Amino acid sequence: MDLENASAVALGAISWMASEEDLLPVFLNASGLTAEGLKAGLEDPEIQAAILDFVLMDDSWVLAAAGHSGRNPLDFGRARQYLPGGAVPHWT
């Protein structure tokens, strides 16, 4: 996984959300984004991180997004680590 692949995973996740009639408005409300702001910011790593944070809140969403995009469900968590704020802390 690298930043380019992480971006592709996030874009696949938003594609899945857009295909779910009721879910995209929930994401927009939770994130504070407008539809126009989301569209304009799709290349922004921070927006991509927000997309993945949202999808990762529910395992069934991860599985559905993975099925929609043809990805391994584990790719979503891996991708999140490459976007802003996703570094896994080392406590040792």
C-alpha atoms as a PDB file:
ATOM      1  CA  MET A   1       0.000   0.000   0.000  1.00  0.00           C
ATOM      2  CA  ASP A   2       1.175   3.506  -0.766  1.00  0.00           C
ATOM      3  CA  LEU A   3      -0.428   6.952  -0.945  1.00  0.00           C
ATOM      4  CA  GLU A   4      -1.619   6.461  -4.532  1.00  0.00           C
ATOM      5  CA  ASN A   5      -3.297   3.148  -3.691  1.00  0.00           C
ATOM      6  CA  ALA A   6      -4.748   4.600  -0.488  1.00  0.00           C
ATOM      7  CA  SER A   7      -6.312   7.348  -2.570  1.00  0.00           C
ATOM      8  CA  ALA A   8      -7.787   4.755  -4.938  1.00  0.00           C
ATOM      9  CA  VAL A   9      -9.297   2.850  -2.000  1.00  0.00           C
ATOM     10  CA  ALA A  10     -10.917   6.038  -0.678  1.00  0.00           C
ATOM     11  CA  LEU A  11     -12.301   6.900  -4.108  1.00  0.00           C
ATOM     12  CA  GLY A  12     -13.715   3.381  -4.391  1.00  0.00           C
ATOM     13  CA  ALA A  13     -15.341   3.847  -0.999  1.00  0.00           C
ATOM     14  CA  ILE A  14     -17.013   7.109  -2.014  1.00  0.00           C
ATOM     15  CA  SER A  15     -18.179   5.463  -5.231  1.00  0.00           C
ATOM     16  CA  TRP A  16     -19.856   2.793  -3.123  1.00  0.00           C
ATOM     17  CA  MET A  17     -21.377   5.414  -0.799  1.00  0.00           C
ATOM     18  CA  ALA A  18     -22.794   7.273  -3.796  1.00  0.00           C
ATOM     19  CA  SER A  19     -24.444   4.047  -4.957  1.00  0.00           C
ATOM     20  CA  GLU A  20     -26.195   3.733  -1.587  1.00  0.00           C
ATOM     21  CA  GLU A  21     -29.128   6.151  -1.763  1.00  0.00           C
ATOM     22  CA  ASP A  22     -29.370   6.872   1.957  1.00  0.00           C
ATOM     23  CA  LEU A  23     -25.732   6.699   3.003  1.00  0.00           C
ATOM     24  CA  LEU A  24     -24.111   9.583   1.137  1.00  0.00           C
ATOM     25  CA  PRO A  25     -26.332  12.204   2.839  1.00  0.00           C
ATOM     26  CA  VAL A  26     -25.396  10.705   6.211  1.00  0.00           C
ATOM     27  CA  PHE A  27     -21.705  11.077   5.355  1.00  0.00           C
ATOM     28  CA  LEU A  28     -22.204  14.641   4.175  1.00  0.00           C
ATOM     29  CA  ASN A  29     -24.039  15.555   7.375  1.00  0.00           C
ATOM     30  CA  ALA A  30     -21.456  13.844   9.573  1.00  0.00           C
ATOM     31  CA  SER A  31     -18.521  15.448   7.779  1.00  0.00           C
ATOM     32  CA  GLY A  32     -20.035  18.901   7.329  1.00  0.00           C
ATOM     33  CA  LEU A  33     -19.264  18.766   3.622  1.00  0.00           C
ATOM     34  CA  THR A  34     -21.646  19.815   0.890  1.00  0.00           C
ATOM     35  CA  ALA A  35     -21.994  17.667  -2.214  1.00  0.00           C
ATOM     36  CA  GLU A  36     -20.112  20.344  -4.138  1.00  0.00           C
ATOM     37  CA  GLY A  37     -17.380  20.487  -1.508  1.00  0.00           C
ATOM     38  CA  LEU A  38     -16.993  16.729  -1.606  1.00  0.00           C
ATOM     39  CA  LYS A  39     -16.773  16.682  -5.383  1.00  0.00           C
ATOM     40  CA  ALA A  40     -14.218  19.507  -5.400  1.00  0.00           C
ATOM     41  CA  GLY A  41     -12.174  17.867  -2.645  1.00  0.00           C
ATOM     42  CA  LEU A  42     -11.982  14.268  -3.822  1.00  0.00           C
ATOM     43  CA  GLU A  43      -8.257  14.591  -4.488  1.00  0.00           C
ATOM     44  CA  ASP A  44      -7.635  16.066  -1.014  1.00  0.00           C
ATOM     45  CA  PRO A  45      -6.005  13.445   1.247  1.00  0.00           C
ATOM     46  CA  GLU A  46      -7.840  14.828   4.289  1.00  0.00           C
ATOM     47  CA  ILE A  47     -11.219  14.321   2.618  1.00  0.00           C
ATOM     48  CA  GLN A  48     -10.138  10.856   1.530  1.00  0.00           C
ATOM     49  CA  ALA A  49      -9.222  10.149   5.149  1.00  0.00           C
ATOM     50  CA  ALA A  50     -12.678  11.313   6.267  1.00  0.00           C
ATOM     51  CA  ILE A  51     -14.283   8.997   3.722  1.00  0.00           C
ATOM     52  CA  LEU A  52     -12.346   6.023   5.039  1.00  0.00           C
ATOM     53  CA  ASP A  53     -12.968   6.987   8.676  1.00  0.00           C
ATOM     54  CA  PHE A  54     -16.683   6.971   7.940  1.00  0.00           C
ATOM     55  CA  VAL A  55     -16.704   3.638   6.114  1.00  0.00           C
ATOM     56  CA  LEU A  56     -14.530   2.020   8.787  1.00  0.00           C
ATOM     57  CA  MET A  57     -17.157   2.798  11.442  1.00  0.00           C
ATOM     58  CA  ASP A  58     -19.198  -0.240  10.378  1.00  0.00           C
ATOM     59  CA  ASP A  59     -17.842  -3.631   9.339  1.00  0.00           C
ATOM     60  CA  SER A  60     -20.809  -4.223   7.031  1.00  0.00           C
ATOM     61  CA  TRP A  61     -19.986  -0.976   5.215  1.00  0.00           C
ATOM     62  CA  VAL A  62     -16.384  -2.093   4.771  1.00  0.00           C
ATOM     63  CA  LEU A  63     -17.527  -5.411   3.340  1.00  0.00           C
ATOM     64  CA  ALA A  64     -20.025  -3.736   1.013  1.00  0.00           C
ATOM     65  CA  ALA A  65     -17.495  -1.145  -0.166  1.00  0.00           C
ATOM     66  CA  ALA A  66     -14.925  -3.887  -0.730  1.00  0.00           C
ATOM     67  CA  GLY A  67     -17.400  -5.889  -2.776  1.00  0.00           C
ATOM     68  CA  HIS A  68     -18.347  -2.814  -4.785  1.00  0.00           C
ATOM     69  CA  SER A  69     -14.743  -1.898  -5.571  1.00  0.00           C
ATOM     70  CA  GLY A  70     -13.343  -5.426  -5.886  1.00  0.00           C
ATOM     71  CA  ARG A  71     -10.904  -4.896  -3.021  1.00  0.00           C
ATOM     72  CA  ASN A  72      -9.858  -6.880  -0.017  1.00  0.00           C
ATOM     73  CA  PRO A  73     -11.744  -5.518   3.032  1.00  0.00           C
ATOM     74  CA  LEU A  74      -8.422  -5.181   4.861  1.00  0.00           C
ATOM     75  CA  ASP A  75      -7.305  -2.631   2.257  1.00  0.00           C
ATOM     76  CA  PHE A  76      -9.570  -0.017   3.841  1.00  0.00           C
ATOM     77  CA  GLY A  77      -7.765  -0.036   7.169  1.00  0.00           C
ATOM     78  CA  ARG A  78      -4.385  -0.258   5.463  1.00  0.00           C
ATOM     79  CA  ALA A  79      -5.245   2.668   3.200  1.00  0.00           C
ATOM     80  CA  ARG A  80      -6.343   4.766   6.160  1.00  0.00           C
ATOM     81  CA  GLN A  81      -2.851   4.492   7.632  1.00  0.00           C
ATOM     82  CA  TYR A  82      -1.375   6.276   4.605  1.00  0.00           C
ATOM     83  CA  LEU A  83      -3.651   9.304   4.770  1.00  0.00           C
ATOM     84  CA  PRO A  84      -3.407  12.271   7.182  1.00  0.00           C
ATOM     85  CA  GLY A  85      -3.998  11.293  10.787  1.00  0.00           C
ATOM     86  CA  GLY A  86      -3.856   7.578  10.074  1.00  0.00           C
ATOM     87  CA  ALA A  87      -0.463   6.700  11.487  1.00  0.00           C
ATOM     88  CA  VAL A  88      -0.694   3.863  13.942  1.00  0.00           C
ATOM     89  CA  PRO A  89       0.970   4.965  17.195  1.00  0.00           C
ATOM     90  CA  HIS A  90       3.764   2.858  18.609  1.00  0.00           C
ATOM     91  CA  TRP A  91       3.444   2.724  22.375  1.00  0.00           C
ATOM     92  CA  THR A  92       6.783   1.108  23.099  1.00  0.00           C
END
